[in-house]
Amino acid sequence: MSYSFEINKLVNFIENRTDFNVISSNSCFYNNHLGAILADIILQAGLNYKSVVLPRVLHIYKNYNSAHNLSGTIDIIEEIGIENFPNWKNNIKTNRYLSVLKFLSENSIDTSCELAEFLNQYENAQMFLSINGIGYKTIDYFRKLMHVETVAVDRHILNFLTQANVNFNNYHGAKLIVEYAADILNISRRDIDYSIWHYMSEKQNQMSFTFEY
């Protein structure tokens, strides 16, 4: 399927939105800390980022310096327990964290930079996707934290494309449309991702306030 028409449709939609502002995405200062960045990519799905995910990520970053690599992360978890490391009791996410650590160990990946390099190979990315709960969005989100120019398609982006009446077949189609639209608009791909997330989050908050009794 050719997405040229849909890309231009999204470009026109963005250009005609007077309430849409381009916001620079933040640099991830903890992306060299394996324990923290894994907590971020594993916890973020389905949770409030600012109130639930980020405080836990920062707690790991500030309090467990030795968890900057794989061996240090494993040592800390063995000492205090997986539930206490990110301060999270949900077995699904904690087991996913352990599965990722096992994957890294089996593939001799010690740092977040090594993981980023590893995932640059298509075959390696497919192997990483075999971990239960790890999807394309997880990989793209991780790449964003590593300052790679990419878009991680989440519900906010999907809803934004729906508002723009943009058609796509799958995750990759939606990603391609948003990334190419960013290129045409001369906006960094990381920035358009964050700008859409901010725009849709604000809209959601406004709706919540409107219907609050």
N, C-alpha and C. Protein backbone atom coordinates (compact mmCIF):
# COMPACT_ATOMS: atom_id res chain seq x y z
N MET A 1 0.84 -1.20 0.00
CA MET A 1 0.00 0.00 0.00
C MET A 1 0.88 1.25 0.00
N SER A 2 0.60 2.17 -0.92
CA SER A 2 1.32 3.44 -0.97
C SER A 2 0.70 4.42 0.01
N TYR A 3 1.55 5.05 0.82
CA TYR A 3 1.05 5.95 1.85
C TYR A 3 1.24 7.43 1.50
N SER A 4 1.63 7.72 0.28
CA SER A 4 1.92 9.12 -0.10
C SER A 4 0.74 10.04 0.19
N PHE A 5 -0.46 9.61 -0.20
CA PHE A 5 -1.64 10.44 0.01
C PHE A 5 -1.90 10.64 1.50
N GLU A 6 -1.73 9.58 2.28
CA GLU A 6 -2.00 9.65 3.72
C GLU A 6 -0.96 10.54 4.42
N ILE A 7 0.28 10.47 3.96
CA ILE A 7 1.33 11.32 4.53
C ILE A 7 0.99 12.79 4.31
N ASN A 8 0.61 13.12 3.09
CA ASN A 8 0.24 14.51 2.78
C ASN A 8 -1.00 14.95 3.55
N LYS A 9 -1.91 14.01 3.76
CA LYS A 9 -3.11 14.33 4.54
C LYS A 9 -2.73 14.69 5.97
N LEU A 10 -1.80 13.95 6.54
CA LEU A 10 -1.36 14.24 7.90
C LEU A 10 -0.61 15.57 7.96
N VAL A 11 0.23 15.83 6.97
CA VAL A 11 0.95 17.10 6.91
C VAL A 11 -0.04 18.27 6.90
N ASN A 12 -1.05 18.17 6.05
CA ASN A 12 -2.05 19.24 5.96
C ASN A 12 -2.82 19.39 7.26
N PHE A 13 -3.13 18.27 7.90
CA PHE A 13 -3.86 18.30 9.17
C PHE A 13 -3.06 19.04 10.23
N ILE A 14 -1.77 18.73 10.32
CA ILE A 14 -0.92 19.38 11.31
C ILE A 14 -0.76 20.87 11.01
N GLU A 15 -0.54 21.20 9.76
CA GLU A 15 -0.34 22.60 9.39
C GLU A 15 -1.58 23.45 9.65
N ASN A 16 -2.74 22.83 9.62
CA ASN A 16 -3.99 23.58 9.80
C ASN A 16 -4.50 23.57 11.24
N ARG A 17 -3.74 22.91 12.15
CA ARG A 17 -4.14 22.90 13.55
C ARG A 17 -3.50 24.09 14.26
N THR A 18 -4.28 25.09 14.57
CA THR A 18 -3.73 26.27 15.26
C THR A 18 -3.35 25.96 16.70
N ASP A 19 -3.89 24.88 17.25
CA ASP A 19 -3.60 24.54 18.64
C ASP A 19 -2.51 23.46 18.76
N PHE A 20 -1.89 23.10 17.65
CA PHE A 20 -0.83 22.09 17.68
C PHE A 20 0.52 22.79 17.68
N ASN A 21 1.30 22.53 18.70
CA ASN A 21 2.61 23.14 18.82
C ASN A 21 3.71 22.08 18.80
N VAL A 22 4.79 22.40 18.12
CA VAL A 22 5.94 21.50 18.11
C VAL A 22 6.74 21.72 19.38
N ILE A 23 6.93 20.65 20.15
CA ILE A 23 7.63 20.72 21.42
C ILE A 23 8.85 19.82 21.35
N SER A 24 9.99 20.35 21.72
CA SER A 24 11.22 19.56 21.68
C SER A 24 11.16 18.45 22.72
N SER A 25 11.52 17.26 22.30
CA SER A 25 11.54 16.13 23.22
C SER A 25 12.74 16.25 24.16
N ASN A 26 12.57 15.76 25.35
CA ASN A 26 13.64 15.84 26.33
C ASN A 26 14.75 14.84 26.03
N SER A 27 15.96 15.19 26.39
CA SER A 27 17.06 14.23 26.32
C SER A 27 16.97 13.30 27.52
N CYS A 28 17.18 12.03 27.28
CA CYS A 28 17.12 11.05 28.36
C CYS A 28 18.50 10.96 29.02
N PHE A 29 18.63 11.53 30.22
CA PHE A 29 19.93 11.61 30.88
C PHE A 29 20.32 10.29 31.55
N TYR A 30 19.39 9.35 31.66
CA TYR A 30 19.70 8.07 32.32
C TYR A 30 19.81 6.92 31.32
N ASN A 31 19.97 7.25 30.04
CA ASN A 31 19.97 6.17 29.05
C ASN A 31 21.26 5.34 29.06
N ASN A 32 22.24 5.73 29.87
CA ASN A 32 23.43 4.90 30.03
C ASN A 32 23.35 4.04 31.29
N HIS A 33 22.18 4.04 31.91
CA HIS A 33 21.94 3.25 33.13
C HIS A 33 20.96 2.13 32.77
N LEU A 34 21.48 0.95 32.58
CA LEU A 34 20.67 -0.16 32.08
C LEU A 34 19.47 -0.46 32.97
N GLY A 35 19.69 -0.52 34.28
CA GLY A 35 18.59 -0.85 35.19
C GLY A 35 17.45 0.13 35.09
N ALA A 36 17.76 1.42 34.98
CA ALA A 36 16.73 2.45 34.90
C ALA A 36 16.00 2.43 33.57
N ILE A 37 16.75 2.30 32.49
CA ILE A 37 16.12 2.38 31.18
C ILE A 37 15.26 1.15 30.91
N LEU A 38 15.64 0.00 31.44
CA LEU A 38 14.79 -1.19 31.30
C LEU A 38 13.50 -1.03 32.10
N ALA A 39 13.60 -0.43 33.28
CA ALA A 39 12.40 -0.17 34.06
C ALA A 39 11.46 0.74 33.29
N ASP A 40 12.02 1.73 32.62
CA ASP A 40 11.21 2.67 31.83
C ASP A 40 10.45 1.95 30.73
N ILE A 41 11.17 1.19 29.91
CA ILE A 41 10.51 0.59 28.74
C ILE A 41 9.53 -0.51 29.12
N ILE A 42 9.76 -1.15 30.28
CA ILE A 42 8.88 -2.24 30.68
C ILE A 42 7.66 -1.73 31.45
N LEU A 43 7.84 -0.72 32.28
CA LEU A 43 6.72 -0.22 33.07
C LEU A 43 5.79 0.69 32.28
N GLN A 44 6.30 1.42 31.28
CA GLN A 44 5.55 2.52 30.68
C GLN A 44 4.21 2.14 30.04
N ALA A 45 4.11 0.95 29.52
CA ALA A 45 2.88 0.58 28.81
C ALA A 45 1.68 0.53 29.76
N GLY A 46 0.66 1.32 29.47
CA GLY A 46 -0.60 1.27 30.21
C GLY A 46 -0.59 1.96 31.56
N LEU A 47 0.48 2.66 31.90
CA LEU A 47 0.57 3.33 33.19
C LEU A 47 0.78 4.83 33.00
N ASN A 48 0.37 5.62 34.00
CA ASN A 48 0.62 7.05 33.95
C ASN A 48 2.11 7.28 34.09
N TYR A 49 2.69 7.93 33.10
CA TYR A 49 4.15 8.05 33.07
C TYR A 49 4.68 8.96 34.18
N LYS A 50 4.11 10.14 34.32
CA LYS A 50 4.65 11.12 35.25
C LYS A 50 4.49 10.71 36.71
N SER A 51 3.35 10.12 37.03
CA SER A 51 3.08 9.82 38.44
C SER A 51 3.48 8.41 38.87
N VAL A 52 3.57 7.49 37.92
CA VAL A 52 3.85 6.09 38.28
C VAL A 52 5.21 5.62 37.77
N VAL A 53 5.47 5.81 36.49
CA VAL A 53 6.67 5.24 35.88
C VAL A 53 7.93 6.06 36.22
N LEU A 54 7.92 7.34 35.91
CA LEU A 54 9.12 8.16 36.06
C LEU A 54 9.68 8.15 37.48
N PRO A 55 8.85 8.28 38.54
CA PRO A 55 9.43 8.25 39.90
C PRO A 55 10.19 6.95 40.18
N ARG A 56 9.70 5.84 39.66
CA ARG A 56 10.37 4.55 39.88
C ARG A 56 11.68 4.46 39.09
N VAL A 57 11.65 4.96 37.88
CA VAL A 57 12.86 4.98 37.05
C VAL A 57 13.94 5.83 37.71
N LEU A 58 13.55 7.02 38.17
CA LEU A 58 14.52 7.92 38.81
C LEU A 58 15.03 7.36 40.13
N HIS A 59 14.18 6.63 40.85
CA HIS A 59 14.62 6.00 42.10
C HIS A 59 15.74 5.00 41.81
N ILE A 60 15.57 4.20 40.77
CA ILE A 60 16.61 3.23 40.40
C ILE A 60 17.89 3.96 39.99
N TYR A 61 17.73 4.98 39.18
CA TYR A 61 18.89 5.73 38.68
C TYR A 61 19.68 6.38 39.81
N LYS A 62 18.97 6.95 40.79
CA LYS A 62 19.62 7.70 41.86
C LYS A 62 20.18 6.79 42.96
N ASN A 63 19.55 5.65 43.19
CA ASN A 63 19.91 4.83 44.35
C ASN A 63 20.70 3.57 44.04
N TYR A 64 20.73 3.16 42.77
CA TYR A 64 21.44 1.93 42.43
C TYR A 64 22.42 2.19 41.29
N ASN A 65 23.48 2.91 41.61
CA ASN A 65 24.48 3.28 40.60
C ASN A 65 25.11 2.04 39.96
N SER A 66 25.30 1.00 40.75
CA SER A 66 25.95 -0.21 40.23
C SER A 66 25.09 -0.95 39.21
N ALA A 67 23.80 -0.58 39.13
CA ALA A 67 22.90 -1.22 38.17
C ALA A 67 22.99 -0.58 36.79
N HIS A 68 24.10 0.11 36.52
CA HIS A 68 24.26 0.75 35.20
C HIS A 68 24.51 -0.28 34.10
N ASN A 69 24.92 -1.50 34.50
CA ASN A 69 25.13 -2.55 33.51
C ASN A 69 24.42 -3.83 33.95
N LEU A 70 24.55 -4.86 33.12
CA LEU A 70 23.78 -6.09 33.38
C LEU A 70 24.19 -6.76 34.68
N SER A 71 25.48 -6.97 34.87
CA SER A 71 25.93 -7.68 36.07
C SER A 71 25.53 -6.93 37.33
N GLY A 72 25.64 -5.59 37.31
CA GLY A 72 25.25 -4.80 38.47
C GLY A 72 23.77 -4.87 38.74
N THR A 73 22.96 -4.86 37.68
CA THR A 73 21.51 -4.95 37.83
C THR A 73 21.12 -6.29 38.43
N ILE A 74 21.72 -7.35 37.92
CA ILE A 74 21.41 -8.69 38.43
C ILE A 74 21.81 -8.81 39.90
N ASP A 75 22.97 -8.27 40.26
CA ASP A 75 23.43 -8.35 41.65
C ASP A 75 22.46 -7.63 42.59
N ILE A 76 22.00 -6.45 42.20
CA ILE A 76 21.07 -5.69 43.05
C ILE A 76 19.76 -6.44 43.20
N ILE A 77 19.24 -6.97 42.12
CA ILE A 77 17.96 -7.69 42.17
C ILE A 77 18.08 -8.94 43.04
N GLU A 78 19.21 -9.64 42.95
CA GLU A 78 19.41 -10.82 43.78
C GLU A 78 19.48 -10.44 45.26
N GLU A 79 19.97 -9.23 45.52
CA GLU A 79 20.12 -8.78 46.91
C GLU A 79 18.80 -8.31 47.51
N ILE A 80 18.01 -7.52 46.75
CA ILE A 80 16.82 -6.90 47.33
C ILE A 80 15.51 -7.48 46.80
N GLY A 81 15.56 -8.26 45.72
CA GLY A 81 14.34 -8.83 45.15
C GLY A 81 13.81 -8.00 44.00
N ILE A 82 13.25 -8.64 43.01
CA ILE A 82 12.78 -7.95 41.81
C ILE A 82 11.64 -6.98 42.12
N GLU A 83 10.77 -7.32 43.07
CA GLU A 83 9.66 -6.43 43.37
C GLU A 83 10.13 -5.12 44.00
N ASN A 84 11.21 -5.18 44.76
CA ASN A 84 11.72 -4.00 45.45
C ASN A 84 12.58 -3.12 44.55
N PHE A 85 13.09 -3.69 43.48
CA PHE A 85 13.97 -2.92 42.60
C PHE A 85 13.22 -1.78 41.92
N PRO A 86 12.13 -2.07 41.18
CA PRO A 86 11.34 -0.95 40.64
C PRO A 86 10.18 -0.57 41.55
N ASN A 87 10.11 -1.20 42.75
CA ASN A 87 8.99 -0.97 43.66
C ASN A 87 7.67 -1.24 42.95
N TRP A 88 7.59 -2.46 42.39
CA TRP A 88 6.40 -2.84 41.61
C TRP A 88 6.05 -4.28 41.91
N LYS A 89 4.79 -4.54 42.26
CA LYS A 89 4.37 -5.86 42.70
C LYS A 89 3.72 -6.70 41.60
N ASN A 90 3.42 -6.06 40.46
CA ASN A 90 2.74 -6.78 39.38
C ASN A 90 3.67 -7.82 38.76
N ASN A 91 3.25 -9.10 38.86
CA ASN A 91 4.12 -10.18 38.40
C ASN A 91 4.37 -10.14 36.90
N ILE A 92 3.40 -9.64 36.14
CA ILE A 92 3.57 -9.63 34.68
C ILE A 92 4.77 -8.77 34.29
N LYS A 93 4.83 -7.57 34.83
CA LYS A 93 5.92 -6.66 34.47
C LYS A 93 7.24 -7.06 35.11
N THR A 94 7.22 -7.54 36.34
CA THR A 94 8.47 -7.95 36.96
C THR A 94 9.04 -9.20 36.26
N ASN A 95 8.18 -10.13 35.88
CA ASN A 95 8.65 -11.31 35.14
C ASN A 95 9.18 -10.92 33.77
N ARG A 96 8.57 -9.90 33.16
CA ARG A 96 9.06 -9.41 31.87
C ARG A 96 10.45 -8.80 32.04
N TYR A 97 10.65 -8.09 33.13
CA TYR A 97 11.96 -7.51 33.41
C TYR A 97 13.01 -8.62 33.51
N LEU A 98 12.68 -9.67 34.24
CA LEU A 98 13.61 -10.78 34.39
C LEU A 98 13.86 -11.48 33.06
N SER A 99 12.83 -11.58 32.23
CA SER A 99 12.99 -12.21 30.91
C SER A 99 13.95 -11.41 30.04
N VAL A 100 13.86 -10.09 30.13
CA VAL A 100 14.76 -9.24 29.35
C VAL A 100 16.19 -9.41 29.86
N LEU A 101 16.38 -9.45 31.17
CA LEU A 101 17.72 -9.66 31.71
C LEU A 101 18.29 -11.00 31.25
N LYS A 102 17.47 -12.02 31.23
CA LYS A 102 17.92 -13.33 30.75
C LYS A 102 18.33 -13.26 29.29
N PHE A 103 17.54 -12.55 28.49
CA PHE A 103 17.85 -12.38 27.07
C PHE A 103 19.19 -11.67 26.89
N LEU A 104 19.40 -10.62 27.64
CA LEU A 104 20.65 -9.87 27.54
C LEU A 104 21.83 -10.75 27.92
N SER A 105 21.67 -11.54 28.97
CA SER A 105 22.74 -12.42 29.41
C SER A 105 23.06 -13.46 28.34
N GLU A 106 22.03 -14.04 27.75
CA GLU A 106 22.23 -15.08 26.73
C GLU A 106 22.89 -14.52 25.47
N ASN A 107 22.73 -13.22 25.24
CA ASN A 107 23.30 -12.61 24.04
C ASN A 107 24.49 -11.71 24.33
N SER A 108 25.05 -11.85 25.54
CA SER A 108 26.26 -11.13 25.95
C SER A 108 26.12 -9.61 25.76
N ILE A 109 24.97 -9.08 26.19
CA ILE A 109 24.71 -7.63 26.11
C ILE A 109 24.80 -7.08 27.53
N ASP A 110 25.75 -6.18 27.76
CA ASP A 110 26.01 -5.72 29.12
C ASP A 110 25.48 -4.32 29.41
N THR A 111 25.32 -3.49 28.38
CA THR A 111 24.92 -2.10 28.59
C THR A 111 23.78 -1.70 27.66
N SER A 112 23.16 -0.56 27.94
CA SER A 112 22.08 -0.06 27.09
C SER A 112 22.60 0.30 25.70
N CYS A 113 23.82 0.80 25.62
CA CYS A 113 24.40 1.12 24.31
C CYS A 113 24.61 -0.14 23.48
N GLU A 114 25.04 -1.20 24.14
CA GLU A 114 25.21 -2.47 23.44
C GLU A 114 23.87 -3.01 22.96
N LEU A 115 22.81 -2.83 23.77
CA LEU A 115 21.48 -3.27 23.36
C LEU A 115 21.01 -2.47 22.15
N ALA A 116 21.25 -1.16 22.16
CA ALA A 116 20.85 -0.32 21.03
C ALA A 116 21.55 -0.76 19.75
N GLU A 117 22.83 -1.05 19.86
CA GLU A 117 23.58 -1.52 18.69
C GLU A 117 23.08 -2.88 18.23
N PHE A 118 22.79 -3.75 19.18
CA PHE A 118 22.28 -5.09 18.88
C PHE A 118 20.97 -5.02 18.10
N LEU A 119 20.09 -4.11 18.51
CA LEU A 119 18.76 -4.01 17.89
C LEU A 119 18.79 -3.35 16.52
N ASN A 120 19.94 -2.82 16.11
CA ASN A 120 20.05 -2.25 14.77
C ASN A 120 19.96 -3.32 13.69
N GLN A 121 20.24 -4.56 14.07
CA GLN A 121 20.14 -5.67 13.12
C GLN A 121 18.73 -6.25 13.16
N TYR A 122 18.12 -6.37 11.98
CA TYR A 122 16.73 -6.84 11.90
C TYR A 122 16.55 -8.18 12.59
N GLU A 123 17.46 -9.10 12.35
CA GLU A 123 17.33 -10.43 12.94
C GLU A 123 17.36 -10.37 14.46
N ASN A 124 18.20 -9.51 14.98
CA ASN A 124 18.30 -9.36 16.44
C ASN A 124 17.02 -8.76 17.02
N ALA A 125 16.48 -7.77 16.32
CA ALA A 125 15.23 -7.15 16.79
C ALA A 125 14.11 -8.18 16.82
N GLN A 126 14.07 -9.06 15.83
CA GLN A 126 13.05 -10.10 15.81
C GLN A 126 13.21 -11.05 16.98
N MET A 127 14.45 -11.35 17.34
CA MET A 127 14.70 -12.19 18.51
C MET A 127 14.20 -11.50 19.78
N PHE A 128 14.45 -10.22 19.89
CA PHE A 128 14.02 -9.46 21.07
C PHE A 128 12.49 -9.44 21.17
N LEU A 129 11.84 -9.40 20.03
CA LEU A 129 10.37 -9.39 19.99
C LEU A 129 9.77 -10.72 20.47
N SER A 130 10.59 -11.76 20.53
CA SER A 130 10.08 -13.06 20.99
C SER A 130 9.83 -13.08 22.50
N ILE A 131 10.36 -12.08 23.21
CA ILE A 131 10.10 -11.98 24.65
C ILE A 131 8.64 -11.59 24.86
N ASN A 132 7.95 -12.31 25.70
CA ASN A 132 6.54 -12.04 25.96
C ASN A 132 6.34 -10.61 26.47
N GLY A 133 5.48 -9.85 25.77
CA GLY A 133 5.18 -8.49 26.18
C GLY A 133 6.04 -7.43 25.52
N ILE A 134 7.05 -7.85 24.77
CA ILE A 134 7.90 -6.90 24.04
C ILE A 134 7.37 -6.78 22.61
N GLY A 135 7.03 -5.56 22.21
CA GLY A 135 6.50 -5.33 20.87
C GLY A 135 7.31 -4.29 20.12
N TYR A 136 6.87 -3.98 18.91
CA TYR A 136 7.56 -2.98 18.09
C TYR A 136 7.62 -1.63 18.80
N LYS A 137 6.54 -1.30 19.50
CA LYS A 137 6.51 -0.01 20.19
C LYS A 137 7.58 0.03 21.28
N THR A 138 7.78 -1.09 21.98
CA THR A 138 8.80 -1.14 23.03
C THR A 138 10.17 -0.84 22.46
N ILE A 139 10.47 -1.46 21.31
CA ILE A 139 11.78 -1.26 20.69
C ILE A 139 11.94 0.19 20.24
N ASP A 140 10.92 0.74 19.61
CA ASP A 140 11.00 2.13 19.15
C ASP A 140 11.08 3.10 20.32
N TYR A 141 10.36 2.80 21.39
CA TYR A 141 10.41 3.65 22.58
C TYR A 141 11.82 3.63 23.18
N PHE A 142 12.42 2.45 23.24
CA PHE A 142 13.80 2.33 23.72
C PHE A 142 14.74 3.15 22.84
N ARG A 143 14.57 3.05 21.54
CA ARG A 143 15.42 3.80 20.62
C ARG A 143 15.26 5.31 20.82
N LYS A 144 14.04 5.75 21.09
CA LYS A 144 13.83 7.17 21.37
C LYS A 144 14.63 7.59 22.61
N LEU A 145 14.61 6.77 23.65
CA LEU A 145 15.35 7.09 24.86
C LEU A 145 16.86 7.12 24.60
N MET A 146 17.28 6.38 23.58
CA MET A 146 18.69 6.37 23.20
C MET A 146 19.00 7.47 22.17
N HIS A 147 18.04 8.37 21.99
CA HIS A 147 18.18 9.55 21.12
C HIS A 147 18.24 9.21 19.64
N VAL A 148 17.64 8.08 19.26
CA VAL A 148 17.50 7.73 17.85
C VAL A 148 16.27 8.44 17.31
N GLU A 149 16.38 8.98 16.10
CA GLU A 149 15.26 9.68 15.49
C GLU A 149 14.23 8.67 14.97
N THR A 150 13.23 8.41 15.77
CA THR A 150 12.20 7.46 15.41
C THR A 150 10.90 7.83 16.09
N VAL A 151 9.83 7.13 15.74
CA VAL A 151 8.52 7.33 16.33
C VAL A 151 8.05 6.01 16.93
N ALA A 152 7.57 6.06 18.16
CA ALA A 152 6.99 4.89 18.82
C ALA A 152 5.48 5.05 18.80
N VAL A 153 4.82 4.24 18.00
CA VAL A 153 3.38 4.40 17.80
C VAL A 153 2.62 3.87 19.02
N ASP A 154 1.94 4.79 19.72
CA ASP A 154 1.13 4.42 20.87
C ASP A 154 -0.31 4.84 20.62
N ARG A 155 -1.15 4.75 21.65
CA ARG A 155 -2.56 5.06 21.48
C ARG A 155 -2.78 6.53 21.14
N HIS A 156 -1.92 7.40 21.64
CA HIS A 156 -2.06 8.82 21.33
C HIS A 156 -1.83 9.08 19.84
N ILE A 157 -0.81 8.46 19.28
CA ILE A 157 -0.55 8.63 17.86
C ILE A 157 -1.66 8.01 17.03
N LEU A 158 -2.14 6.85 17.43
CA LEU A 158 -3.23 6.20 16.69
C LEU A 158 -4.49 7.07 16.72
N ASN A 159 -4.79 7.64 17.88
CA ASN A 159 -5.97 8.51 17.98
C ASN A 159 -5.78 9.80 17.17
N PHE A 160 -4.56 10.30 17.13
CA PHE A 160 -4.25 11.49 16.35
C PHE A 160 -4.45 11.22 14.87
N LEU A 161 -3.99 10.07 14.40
CA LEU A 161 -4.17 9.70 13.00
C LEU A 161 -5.64 9.52 12.68
N THR A 162 -6.40 8.99 13.61
CA THR A 162 -7.84 8.83 13.41
C THR A 162 -8.51 10.19 13.28
N GLN A 163 -8.12 11.14 14.12
CA GLN A 163 -8.66 12.50 14.03
C GLN A 163 -8.35 13.13 12.67
N ALA A 164 -7.19 12.80 12.13
CA ALA A 164 -6.77 13.36 10.84
C ALA A 164 -7.36 12.58 9.67
N ASN A 165 -8.13 11.53 9.98
CA ASN A 165 -8.74 10.69 8.95
C ASN A 165 -7.67 10.05 8.06
N VAL A 166 -6.58 9.66 8.68
CA VAL A 166 -5.47 9.02 7.97
C VAL A 166 -5.63 7.51 8.06
N ASN A 167 -5.48 6.84 6.94
CA ASN A 167 -5.63 5.39 6.87
C ASN A 167 -4.27 4.70 6.86
N PHE A 168 -4.19 3.57 7.54
CA PHE A 168 -2.94 2.79 7.58
C PHE A 168 -3.31 1.35 7.85
N ASN A 169 -2.41 0.45 7.50
CA ASN A 169 -2.71 -0.98 7.64
C ASN A 169 -2.29 -1.58 8.97
N ASN A 170 -1.18 -1.08 9.53
CA ASN A 170 -0.61 -1.72 10.71
C ASN A 170 0.33 -0.74 11.43
N TYR A 171 1.03 -1.25 12.41
CA TYR A 171 1.97 -0.43 13.19
C TYR A 171 2.99 0.23 12.28
N HIS A 172 3.56 -0.56 11.39
CA HIS A 172 4.62 -0.04 10.52
C HIS A 172 4.09 1.04 9.58
N GLY A 173 2.84 0.87 9.13
CA GLY A 173 2.25 1.89 8.27
C GLY A 173 2.05 3.20 9.00
N ALA A 174 1.54 3.11 10.22
CA ALA A 174 1.33 4.32 11.02
C ALA A 174 2.66 5.00 11.32
N LYS A 175 3.67 4.22 11.66
CA LYS A 175 5.01 4.76 11.95
C LYS A 175 5.58 5.47 10.73
N LEU A 176 5.48 4.84 9.57
CA LEU A 176 6.01 5.42 8.34
C LEU A 176 5.34 6.75 8.03
N ILE A 177 4.02 6.80 8.16
CA ILE A 177 3.27 8.02 7.85
C ILE A 177 3.70 9.18 8.75
N VAL A 178 3.81 8.92 10.04
CA VAL A 178 4.17 9.99 10.98
C VAL A 178 5.62 10.42 10.76
N GLU A 179 6.51 9.47 10.54
CA GLU A 179 7.92 9.82 10.36
C GLU A 179 8.13 10.62 9.07
N TYR A 180 7.49 10.20 7.98
CA TYR A 180 7.66 10.93 6.73
C TYR A 180 7.00 12.30 6.78
N ALA A 181 5.88 12.39 7.51
CA ALA A 181 5.25 13.69 7.69
C ALA A 181 6.19 14.63 8.45
N ALA A 182 6.86 14.10 9.45
CA ALA A 182 7.83 14.89 10.21
C ALA A 182 8.94 15.39 9.30
N ASP A 183 9.42 14.52 8.42
CA ASP A 183 10.49 14.90 7.49
C ASP A 183 10.04 16.04 6.57
N ILE A 184 8.83 15.93 6.04
CA ILE A 184 8.30 16.97 5.15
C ILE A 184 8.14 18.30 5.89
N LEU A 185 7.71 18.21 7.15
CA LEU A 185 7.50 19.42 7.96
C LEU A 185 8.80 19.94 8.56
N ASN A 186 9.89 19.22 8.32
CA ASN A 186 11.19 19.60 8.87
C ASN A 186 11.17 19.62 10.40
N ILE A 187 10.51 18.61 10.96
CA ILE A 187 10.45 18.41 12.40
C ILE A 187 11.18 17.11 12.72
N SER A 188 11.97 17.09 13.76
CA SER A 188 12.64 15.84 14.11
C SER A 188 11.59 14.78 14.46
N ARG A 189 11.91 13.56 14.15
CA ARG A 189 10.95 12.46 14.39
C ARG A 189 10.67 12.29 15.88
N ARG A 190 11.68 12.46 16.71
CA ARG A 190 11.47 12.39 18.15
C ARG A 190 10.56 13.54 18.62
N ASP A 191 10.74 14.71 18.02
CA ASP A 191 9.94 15.87 18.43
C ASP A 191 8.48 15.73 18.01
N ILE A 192 8.22 15.19 16.81
CA ILE A 192 6.82 15.06 16.40
C ILE A 192 6.13 14.00 17.25
N ASP A 193 6.85 12.96 17.63
CA ASP A 193 6.30 11.94 18.53
C ASP A 193 5.89 12.58 19.84
N TYR A 194 6.80 13.36 20.45
CA TYR A 194 6.51 13.99 21.73
C TYR A 194 5.42 15.05 21.60
N SER A 195 5.42 15.78 20.50
CA SER A 195 4.42 16.84 20.29
C SER A 195 3.02 16.26 20.18
N ILE A 196 2.91 15.14 19.47
CA ILE A 196 1.60 14.48 19.34
C ILE A 196 1.17 13.93 20.70
N TRP A 197 2.11 13.32 21.41
CA TRP A 197 1.79 12.79 22.75
C TRP A 197 1.31 13.93 23.65
N HIS A 198 1.99 15.05 23.64
CA HIS A 198 1.61 16.19 24.49
C HIS A 198 0.25 16.74 24.06
N TYR A 199 0.04 16.87 22.77
CA TYR A 199 -1.22 17.41 22.24
C TYR A 199 -2.40 16.52 22.65
N MET A 200 -2.27 15.23 22.46
CA MET A 200 -3.37 14.32 22.77
C MET A 200 -3.57 14.18 24.28
N SER A 201 -2.49 14.25 25.05
CA SER A 201 -2.61 14.19 26.51
C SER A 201 -3.38 15.40 27.03
N GLU A 202 -3.08 16.57 26.47
CA GLU A 202 -3.79 17.78 26.87
C GLU A 202 -5.27 17.68 26.53
N LYS A 203 -5.57 17.17 25.35
CA LYS A 203 -6.96 16.99 24.94
C LYS A 203 -7.68 16.03 25.88
N GLN A 204 -6.99 14.97 26.25
CA GLN A 204 -7.59 13.99 27.16
C GLN A 204 -7.86 14.62 28.52
N ASN A 205 -6.92 15.41 29.01
CA ASN A 205 -7.10 16.08 30.30
C ASN A 205 -8.26 17.07 30.26
N GLN A 206 -8.40 17.76 29.13
CA GLN A 206 -9.51 18.71 28.98
C GLN A 206 -10.85 17.99 28.99
N MET A 207 -10.88 16.83 28.35
CA MET A 207 -12.12 16.05 28.33
C MET A 207 -12.45 15.55 29.72
N SER A 208 -11.42 15.11 30.46
CA SER A 208 -11.64 14.62 31.82
C SER A 208 -12.18 15.72 32.70
N PHE A 209 -11.66 16.94 32.53
CA PHE A 209 -12.12 18.06 33.33
C PHE A 209 -13.55 18.44 32.95
N THR A 210 -13.86 18.41 31.66
CA THR A 210 -15.19 18.79 31.19
C THR A 210 -16.27 17.91 31.76
N PHE A 211 -15.97 16.60 31.89
CA PHE A 211 -17.01 15.67 32.33
C PHE A 211 -16.87 15.28 33.80
N GLU A 212 -16.07 16.01 34.52
CA GLU A 212 -15.91 15.72 35.95
C GLU A 212 -17.06 16.37 36.71
N TYR A 213 -17.67 15.61 37.60
CA TYR A 213 -18.80 16.12 38.38
C TYR A 213 -18.37 16.35 39.84
